[in-house]
Amino acid sequence: MSGSRVVAVRMSFEQYMTYEWRAIVAGMKPATYLKKILDERENSHPAVLSELREMQQKLESMQDLINELQDIISNSSQLNNGSDGYSQKGYVASIQTLLLLRAMAKPAHIDLVNNKLVELKLPTLS
């Protein structure tokens, strides 16, 4: 490797022994093994960023859904007419359950449900 540099790393004896053992198992020298680990971590960085972006989009989608549901709740006569509070608690519990299910559902599942709602001529939340 032209232009490469040697790097010294200080670590505890236990850490060194752990990496040395892993290197031996992998059939490498400790320095080569550590470089391989660093390279793999560096190469996995774009995948991690992509996954984080995907999670951010899902969270934004969930926030949009929550906002829509809050609008529905605030405009609901069911929620405002509950005299003993039980209908309000039940309604809120139902909304929480739906939000949890939505969070666990894959996009394909959501599409199936939305298609069925359209088929039944019912409104859908995007």
Foldseek 3Di string as FASTA:
>chain_A
DPPDDDDDDDDDPVVQVVLCVVQVVVVHHSVVSVVVVVVVVVVCVVVVVVVVVVVVVLVVLLVQVVVVVVVCLVPDPQCVPDPPCPSVVVVVVVVVVVSVVSSPDDPVVLVVVCVVCVVVVHDDDD
